[in-house]
Amino acid sequence: MFPTRRLAQGGFFRRSADEFGRLSKIAWNTEALHTPTKPYTLLNFEDEGTVTGCKTMADRAVGGFSTASLDYEPAEPSSNTPSHARFHGSISTKLPDNWRVERTGYAAFRNQDRGFWLFGRLVWDVDPYAYLALRIKSDGRRYTVNVQTDAVVETDIHQHRLYTRHHRLRDTPNSQEDYDFQADSPDAVEDLYPSGLPSALSDVPPESTIISTSTSTTTSGSNGWETVLLPFNSFVRTNHGFVIEPQTSLTRQRVKSIGIGLTDRVEGPFDLRIHKIWATNGLSEAEIEEERRICGDNALPLDEGASSGWTHTPKKSIKEESKQQERDSNKKGLKGLKSEWEE
């Protein structure tokens, strides 16, 4: 038992030293006094240890037949494909021989608890950041990003649809058919969404979501990678799949876990690749080189946080465009936030 205890203590003190080092760097650079311009990496799947440090979940836990795996995939330099995690498996809606189980057809993964350090549970503080960024390669299925915080109700999860360029839209968005993948009857719909379907969970991306508007179907390496920015303030509070009222904001100072789930209840295989998940205020110079190298033509431009860039609106005149950019810069993005620390 003695060697095991020494190993555990080493891990504890190493985590404490790492956290002290991170906080000291923030204090030394006075980053807490202004809006951060550098990314804050949460899960980097180029590190195989990050992949093995995650756990998968599926309805097999209640007797269902869906499967879920999270595997480490090495880099392929010839196609600019980075090392990443592959979330894959198969969704089945077949019910087990258990009358207590009424619904199946889901799979998910998340990072495991990060442990403790000298001042309690180790959590992520993303309060200075506006967006959760994910660099992914999607098969087009309706994935959901799940964020759990150290909140009063431990089972609460804040969710947001993972929109991508390959997101499969229905012919009648935001209609009754949009609910079919999550509910089998109108009564169930009312239970899930008592105040209506939140925009962050609908099939159509809200304007606050930032994804590439490139019309190209390939990237420089023909690998399909893209980066998606989801506003933290758009995440929806849920509990066991039900939207909870009243809604409360995500506690950004105490994020415990981040994961991705698939609950569309569409039978068949799924395959999602994840390179990295981080917090940001819009792509900065520290991020743009890697973004262009991996995503190629689908790369988001520098400081994309200054505008949503998703909606397909008619082109405006130069004067109108200039006014719109000025309004957007006052709202969000690194350019709009720069004045906060230059004054």
Protein backbone atom coordinates (compact mmCIF):
# COMPACT_ATOMS: atom_id res chain seq x y z
CA MET A 1 0.00 0.00 0.00
CA PHE A 2 2.90 2.35 0.69
CA PRO A 3 4.06 2.71 -2.95
CA THR A 4 0.48 3.34 -4.10
CA ARG A 5 0.07 6.06 -1.51
CA ARG A 6 3.29 7.74 -2.62
CA LEU A 7 2.07 7.71 -6.23
CA ALA A 8 -1.25 9.26 -5.23
CA GLN A 9 0.47 11.96 -3.22
CA GLY A 10 2.76 12.70 -6.13
CA GLY A 11 -0.23 13.21 -8.39
CA PHE A 12 -1.88 15.50 -5.87
CA PHE A 13 1.17 17.70 -5.39
CA ARG A 14 1.90 17.74 -9.11
CA ARG A 15 -1.65 18.98 -9.81
CA SER A 16 -1.25 21.60 -7.08
CA ALA A 17 2.08 22.75 -8.50
CA ASP A 18 0.64 22.93 -12.02
CA GLU A 19 -2.33 24.99 -10.85
CA PHE A 20 -0.13 27.31 -8.80
CA GLY A 21 2.08 27.77 -11.83
CA ARG A 22 -0.88 28.61 -14.06
CA LEU A 23 -2.33 31.10 -11.56
CA SER A 24 1.08 32.68 -10.96
CA LYS A 25 1.53 33.18 -14.70
CA ILE A 26 -1.87 34.88 -14.89
CA ALA A 27 -0.96 37.18 -12.00
CA TRP A 28 2.49 37.97 -13.41
CA ASN A 29 1.07 38.88 -16.81
CA THR A 30 -1.83 40.81 -15.17
CA GLU A 31 -4.23 38.78 -17.32
CA ALA A 32 -6.93 39.07 -14.68
CA LEU A 33 -7.03 42.84 -15.22
CA HIS A 34 -8.21 42.67 -18.82
CA THR A 35 -9.86 40.39 -21.29
CA PRO A 36 -7.56 37.45 -22.17
CA THR A 37 -6.36 37.29 -25.75
CA LYS A 38 -4.74 33.87 -25.48
CA PRO A 39 -6.64 30.57 -25.64
CA TYR A 40 -7.24 28.50 -22.50
CA THR A 41 -6.92 24.83 -23.44
CA LEU A 42 -9.32 22.54 -21.60
CA LEU A 43 -9.02 19.20 -23.40
CA ASN A 44 -6.18 18.63 -25.86
CA PHE A 45 -6.64 15.26 -27.54
CA GLU A 46 -3.23 15.42 -29.19
CA ASP A 47 -2.17 14.02 -25.82
CA GLU A 48 -3.13 10.35 -25.61
CA GLY A 49 -3.42 10.72 -21.84
CA THR A 50 -6.33 13.14 -22.33
CA VAL A 51 -8.19 10.49 -24.32
CA THR A 52 -7.61 7.76 -21.74
CA GLY A 53 -8.64 10.25 -19.06
CA CYS A 54 -12.18 10.38 -20.45
CA LYS A 55 -15.08 8.03 -19.85
CA THR A 56 -17.76 6.87 -22.29
CA MET A 57 -21.43 6.25 -21.54
CA ALA A 58 -24.22 4.53 -23.46
CA ASP A 59 -27.63 3.03 -22.85
CA ARG A 60 -25.97 -0.36 -22.33
CA ALA A 61 -25.75 0.71 -18.69
CA VAL A 62 -29.54 0.15 -18.49
CA GLY A 63 -29.65 -2.88 -20.77
CA GLY A 64 -29.75 -1.07 -24.13
CA PHE A 65 -27.79 -1.96 -27.23
CA SER A 66 -26.01 1.30 -28.21
CA THR A 67 -22.22 1.32 -28.13
CA ALA A 68 -19.68 4.09 -27.59
CA SER A 69 -15.89 4.18 -27.80
CA LEU A 70 -13.30 6.94 -27.53
CA ASP A 71 -10.00 6.04 -29.20
CA TYR A 72 -6.74 7.88 -29.75
CA GLU A 73 -5.87 8.43 -33.42
CA PRO A 74 -2.27 9.39 -34.33
CA ALA A 75 -1.47 12.30 -36.62
CA GLU A 76 -1.20 12.07 -40.40
CA PRO A 77 1.20 14.87 -41.45
CA SER A 78 0.62 14.22 -45.15
CA SER A 79 -2.99 15.43 -44.86
CA ASN A 80 -2.47 17.94 -42.01
CA THR A 81 -4.56 15.69 -39.77
CA PRO A 82 -3.57 16.19 -36.12
CA SER A 83 -3.58 13.56 -33.41
CA HIS A 84 -7.13 13.42 -32.08
CA ALA A 85 -9.84 11.47 -30.32
CA ARG A 86 -12.34 9.40 -32.28
CA PHE A 87 -15.78 9.15 -30.67
CA HIS A 88 -17.59 6.36 -32.47
CA GLY A 89 -20.05 3.53 -32.05
CA SER A 90 -23.62 2.73 -32.98
CA ILE A 91 -27.02 3.96 -31.82
CA SER A 92 -29.81 1.45 -31.23
CA THR A 93 -33.33 2.25 -30.04
CA LYS A 94 -34.12 -1.39 -29.27
CA LEU A 95 -35.57 -1.78 -25.80
CA PRO A 96 -34.23 -4.40 -23.38
CA ASP A 97 -36.39 -7.00 -21.68
CA ASN A 98 -36.92 -4.67 -18.76
CA TRP A 99 -40.26 -2.94 -18.33
CA ARG A 100 -38.62 -0.17 -16.29
CA VAL A 101 -36.62 1.04 -19.32
CA GLU A 102 -38.83 3.11 -21.63
CA ARG A 103 -36.25 4.83 -23.85
CA THR A 104 -32.83 4.00 -25.25
CA GLY A 105 -30.64 5.31 -28.04
CA TYR A 106 -27.90 7.50 -26.58
CA ALA A 107 -24.11 7.62 -26.24
CA ALA A 108 -21.72 10.17 -24.78
CA PHE A 109 -18.27 10.86 -23.35
CA ARG A 110 -16.77 13.35 -20.93
CA ASN A 111 -13.55 13.90 -19.03
CA GLN A 112 -13.31 12.20 -15.67
CA ASP A 113 -13.10 14.21 -12.46
CA ARG A 114 -9.82 16.12 -12.43
CA GLY A 115 -9.15 15.40 -8.75
CA PHE A 116 -8.16 17.76 -5.96
CA TRP A 117 -5.44 20.23 -5.19
CA LEU A 118 -4.48 22.20 -2.07
CA PHE A 119 -7.62 24.37 -2.21
CA GLY A 120 -10.23 21.76 -3.02
CA ARG A 121 -11.64 20.31 -6.21
CA LEU A 122 -9.73 21.10 -9.37
CA VAL A 123 -12.03 22.93 -11.80
CA TRP A 124 -11.72 25.16 -14.85
CA ASP A 125 -12.35 28.88 -14.47
CA VAL A 126 -13.49 30.12 -17.88
CA ASP A 127 -15.22 33.24 -16.59
CA PRO A 128 -13.01 35.67 -18.60
CA TYR A 129 -13.93 33.93 -21.86
CA ALA A 130 -16.93 34.33 -24.12
CA TYR A 131 -16.78 31.14 -26.20
CA LEU A 132 -16.22 27.43 -25.91
CA ALA A 133 -14.25 26.42 -29.02
CA LEU A 134 -14.20 22.90 -30.47
CA ARG A 135 -12.10 21.75 -33.41
CA ILE A 136 -13.90 18.73 -34.82
CA LYS A 137 -14.59 16.63 -37.88
CA SER A 138 -18.25 15.66 -37.92
CA ASP A 139 -20.32 13.06 -39.71
CA GLY A 140 -23.27 15.49 -39.61
CA ARG A 141 -25.28 13.89 -36.82
CA ARG A 142 -26.92 16.00 -34.09
CA TYR A 143 -24.36 16.00 -31.30
CA THR A 144 -24.76 17.98 -28.10
CA VAL A 145 -22.01 19.60 -26.02
CA ASN A 146 -22.46 18.97 -22.30
CA VAL A 147 -20.88 21.16 -19.60
CA GLN A 148 -21.15 20.25 -15.93
CA THR A 149 -20.25 22.69 -13.18
CA ASP A 150 -19.74 22.45 -9.45
CA ALA A 151 -23.28 23.69 -8.87
CA VAL A 152 -25.81 23.23 -6.08
CA VAL A 153 -27.67 20.57 -8.11
CA GLU A 154 -24.92 18.18 -9.13
CA THR A 155 -26.99 16.49 -11.84
CA ASP A 156 -27.60 19.74 -13.73
CA ILE A 157 -25.91 19.88 -17.14
CA HIS A 158 -25.70 22.89 -19.46
CA GLN A 159 -26.13 21.89 -23.08
CA HIS A 160 -25.66 23.37 -26.55
CA ARG A 161 -26.07 21.77 -29.96
CA LEU A 162 -22.75 21.16 -31.73
CA TYR A 163 -23.44 22.91 -35.03
CA THR A 164 -21.11 22.24 -37.95
CA ARG A 165 -20.89 22.94 -41.67
CA HIS A 166 -22.05 19.36 -42.21
CA HIS A 167 -25.00 19.66 -39.83
CA ARG A 168 -27.98 17.87 -41.34
CA LEU A 169 -30.98 20.18 -41.30
CA ARG A 170 -34.56 19.04 -41.55
CA ASP A 171 -36.87 20.34 -44.27
CA THR A 172 -39.15 21.91 -41.66
CA PRO A 173 -36.89 23.35 -38.98
CA ASN A 174 -38.34 24.30 -35.61
CA SER A 175 -41.56 22.42 -36.36
CA GLN A 176 -43.10 19.48 -34.54
CA GLU A 177 -40.87 17.14 -36.56
CA ASP A 178 -37.79 18.65 -34.94
CA TYR A 179 -38.86 17.14 -31.64
CA ASP A 180 -39.27 13.60 -32.95
CA PHE A 181 -35.68 12.59 -32.28
CA GLN A 182 -36.08 13.43 -28.58
CA ALA A 183 -39.76 12.81 -27.87
CA ASP A 184 -42.39 10.39 -29.09
CA SER A 185 -45.50 12.41 -28.27
CA PRO A 186 -46.67 16.04 -27.86
CA ASP A 187 -46.98 15.47 -24.13
CA ALA A 188 -43.34 14.41 -23.93
CA VAL A 189 -42.36 17.52 -25.90
CA GLU A 190 -44.10 19.76 -23.38
CA ASP A 191 -42.33 17.94 -20.56
CA LEU A 192 -38.90 18.34 -22.16
CA TYR A 193 -39.37 21.96 -23.24
CA PRO A 194 -42.12 23.61 -21.15
CA SER A 195 -41.24 27.05 -22.54
CA GLY A 196 -40.56 25.92 -26.09
CA LEU A 197 -37.45 24.58 -27.79
CA PRO A 198 -34.41 26.71 -26.80
CA SER A 199 -32.57 28.20 -29.78
CA ALA A 200 -29.29 26.62 -28.67
CA LEU A 201 -30.86 23.16 -29.01
CA SER A 202 -32.74 23.71 -32.26
CA ASP A 203 -31.70 22.33 -35.64
CA VAL A 204 -30.92 25.80 -37.01
CA PRO A 205 -27.80 27.45 -35.52
CA PRO A 206 -28.56 30.75 -33.77
CA GLU A 207 -26.62 33.81 -34.89
CA SER A 208 -24.50 33.70 -31.75
CA THR A 209 -22.91 30.43 -32.90
CA ILE A 210 -19.79 30.90 -35.02
CA ILE A 211 -18.98 28.36 -37.72
CA SER A 212 -17.17 28.59 -41.03
CA THR A 213 -19.08 30.10 -43.96
CA SER A 214 -16.72 28.63 -46.53
CA THR A 215 -18.44 27.16 -49.57
CA SER A 216 -15.57 24.73 -50.10
CA THR A 217 -16.36 21.09 -49.38
CA THR A 218 -12.75 20.23 -48.64
CA THR A 219 -9.82 21.68 -46.74
CA SER A 220 -6.18 21.95 -47.68
CA GLY A 221 -5.76 18.33 -46.69
CA SER A 222 -9.26 17.22 -47.69
CA ASN A 223 -9.77 16.14 -44.11
CA GLY A 224 -12.95 18.02 -43.18
CA TRP A 225 -11.73 19.66 -39.96
CA GLU A 226 -13.48 22.81 -38.74
CA THR A 227 -13.67 24.96 -35.61
CA VAL A 228 -16.95 25.90 -33.92
CA LEU A 229 -17.39 28.66 -31.31
CA LEU A 230 -20.32 28.31 -28.90
CA PRO A 231 -21.14 31.26 -26.58
CA PHE A 232 -21.05 30.25 -22.94
CA ASN A 233 -24.08 32.43 -22.22
CA SER A 234 -26.19 30.46 -24.72
CA PHE A 235 -25.91 27.09 -22.97
CA VAL A 236 -29.21 25.71 -21.68
CA ARG A 237 -29.61 24.28 -18.20
CA THR A 238 -31.01 20.72 -18.24
CA ASN A 239 -31.44 17.84 -15.86
CA HIS A 240 -31.73 14.25 -17.15
CA GLY A 241 -32.61 15.63 -20.59
CA PHE A 242 -35.30 18.03 -19.38
CA VAL A 243 -34.92 21.80 -19.68
CA ILE A 244 -35.10 23.27 -16.18
CA GLU A 245 -36.99 26.43 -15.32
CA PRO A 246 -36.07 28.95 -14.21
CA GLN A 247 -32.92 28.98 -16.30
CA THR A 248 -29.65 29.89 -14.57
CA SER A 249 -26.40 30.90 -16.21
CA LEU A 250 -23.57 28.44 -16.49
CA THR A 251 -21.21 28.85 -13.52
CA ARG A 252 -18.14 29.58 -15.58
CA GLN A 253 -15.83 29.86 -12.58
CA ARG A 254 -16.30 26.18 -11.64
CA VAL A 255 -16.50 23.92 -14.69
CA LYS A 256 -16.02 20.28 -13.71
CA SER A 257 -16.40 18.39 -16.96
CA ILE A 258 -16.94 18.84 -20.68
CA GLY A 259 -18.24 16.20 -23.03
CA ILE A 260 -20.24 15.43 -26.14
CA GLY A 261 -23.35 13.28 -26.43
CA LEU A 262 -25.56 11.89 -29.16
CA THR A 263 -29.26 11.59 -28.33
CA ASP A 264 -30.88 11.91 -31.76
CA ARG A 265 -32.24 8.33 -31.45
CA VAL A 266 -31.41 7.66 -35.10
CA GLU A 267 -30.25 4.08 -35.48
CA GLY A 268 -26.90 3.42 -37.08
CA PRO A 269 -23.19 4.19 -36.72
CA PHE A 270 -21.70 7.52 -35.70
CA ASP A 271 -18.18 8.90 -35.99
CA LEU A 272 -16.98 12.22 -34.57
CA ARG A 273 -13.34 13.34 -34.42
CA ILE A 274 -12.23 15.86 -31.77
CA HIS A 275 -8.85 17.58 -31.85
CA LYS A 276 -9.12 20.12 -29.07
CA ILE A 277 -11.60 21.92 -26.81
CA TRP A 278 -10.68 25.32 -25.37
CA ALA A 279 -12.04 28.63 -24.07
CA THR A 280 -11.48 31.77 -26.14
CA ASN A 281 -12.66 35.30 -26.88
CA GLY A 282 -12.34 34.85 -30.62
CA LEU A 283 -9.46 33.40 -32.61
CA SER A 284 -6.27 35.23 -31.71
CA GLU A 285 -2.87 35.33 -33.35
CA ALA A 286 -1.84 32.53 -31.01
CA GLU A 287 -4.53 30.29 -32.51
CA ILE A 288 -4.81 31.31 -36.14
CA GLU A 289 -1.68 29.57 -37.48
CA GLU A 290 -2.79 26.19 -36.16
CA GLU A 291 -6.36 26.89 -37.30
CA ARG A 292 -5.28 27.53 -40.90
CA ARG A 293 -2.89 24.59 -40.97
CA ILE A 294 -5.50 22.07 -39.84
CA CYS A 295 -8.75 23.49 -41.24
CA GLY A 296 -7.42 24.96 -44.49
CA ASP A 297 -10.20 26.65 -46.50
CA ASN A 298 -12.63 26.08 -43.63
CA ALA A 299 -10.51 28.01 -41.12
CA LEU A 300 -12.18 30.79 -39.18
CA PRO A 301 -10.57 34.20 -39.78
CA LEU A 302 -8.53 36.04 -37.20
CA ASP A 303 -10.70 37.58 -34.46
CA GLU A 304 -13.87 35.91 -35.74
CA GLY A 305 -15.33 36.71 -32.33
CA ALA A 306 -16.11 40.19 -33.68
CA SER A 307 -19.07 38.91 -35.69
CA SER A 308 -21.20 35.82 -36.01
CA GLY A 309 -20.72 35.37 -39.75
CA TRP A 310 -23.17 32.47 -39.98
CA THR A 311 -26.42 33.89 -41.29
CA HIS A 312 -26.78 34.12 -45.06
CA THR A 313 -27.89 37.73 -45.42
CA PRO A 314 -27.65 39.81 -48.61
CA LYS A 315 -24.43 41.74 -49.07
CA LYS A 316 -24.53 45.26 -47.67
CA SER A 317 -23.02 48.41 -49.02
CA ILE A 318 -19.57 49.41 -47.81
CA LYS A 319 -21.10 52.13 -45.62
CA GLU A 320 -23.65 49.76 -44.07
CA GLU A 321 -20.99 47.08 -43.60
CA SER A 322 -18.70 49.56 -41.83
CA LYS A 323 -21.49 50.59 -39.45
CA GLN A 324 -22.34 46.95 -38.75
CA GLN A 325 -18.71 46.13 -37.99
CA GLU A 326 -18.57 49.06 -35.61
CA ARG A 327 -21.70 47.83 -33.81
CA ASP A 328 -20.34 44.29 -33.66
CA SER A 329 -16.99 45.41 -32.30
CA ASN A 330 -18.80 47.08 -29.42
CA LYS A 331 -20.48 43.80 -28.56
CA LYS A 332 -17.89 41.07 -28.58
CA GLY A 333 -14.65 39.83 -30.07
CA LEU A 334 -11.03 40.67 -29.39
CA LYS A 335 -11.13 43.85 -31.44
CA GLY A 336 -14.18 45.08 -29.61
CA LEU A 337 -12.70 44.16 -26.24
CA LYS A 338 -9.26 45.61 -26.88
CA SER A 339 -10.26 49.07 -25.67
CA GLU A 340 -10.98 47.65 -22.23
CA TRP A 341 -7.29 47.40 -21.39
CA GLU A 342 -5.88 50.14 -23.59
CA GLU A 343 -7.76 52.96 -21.89
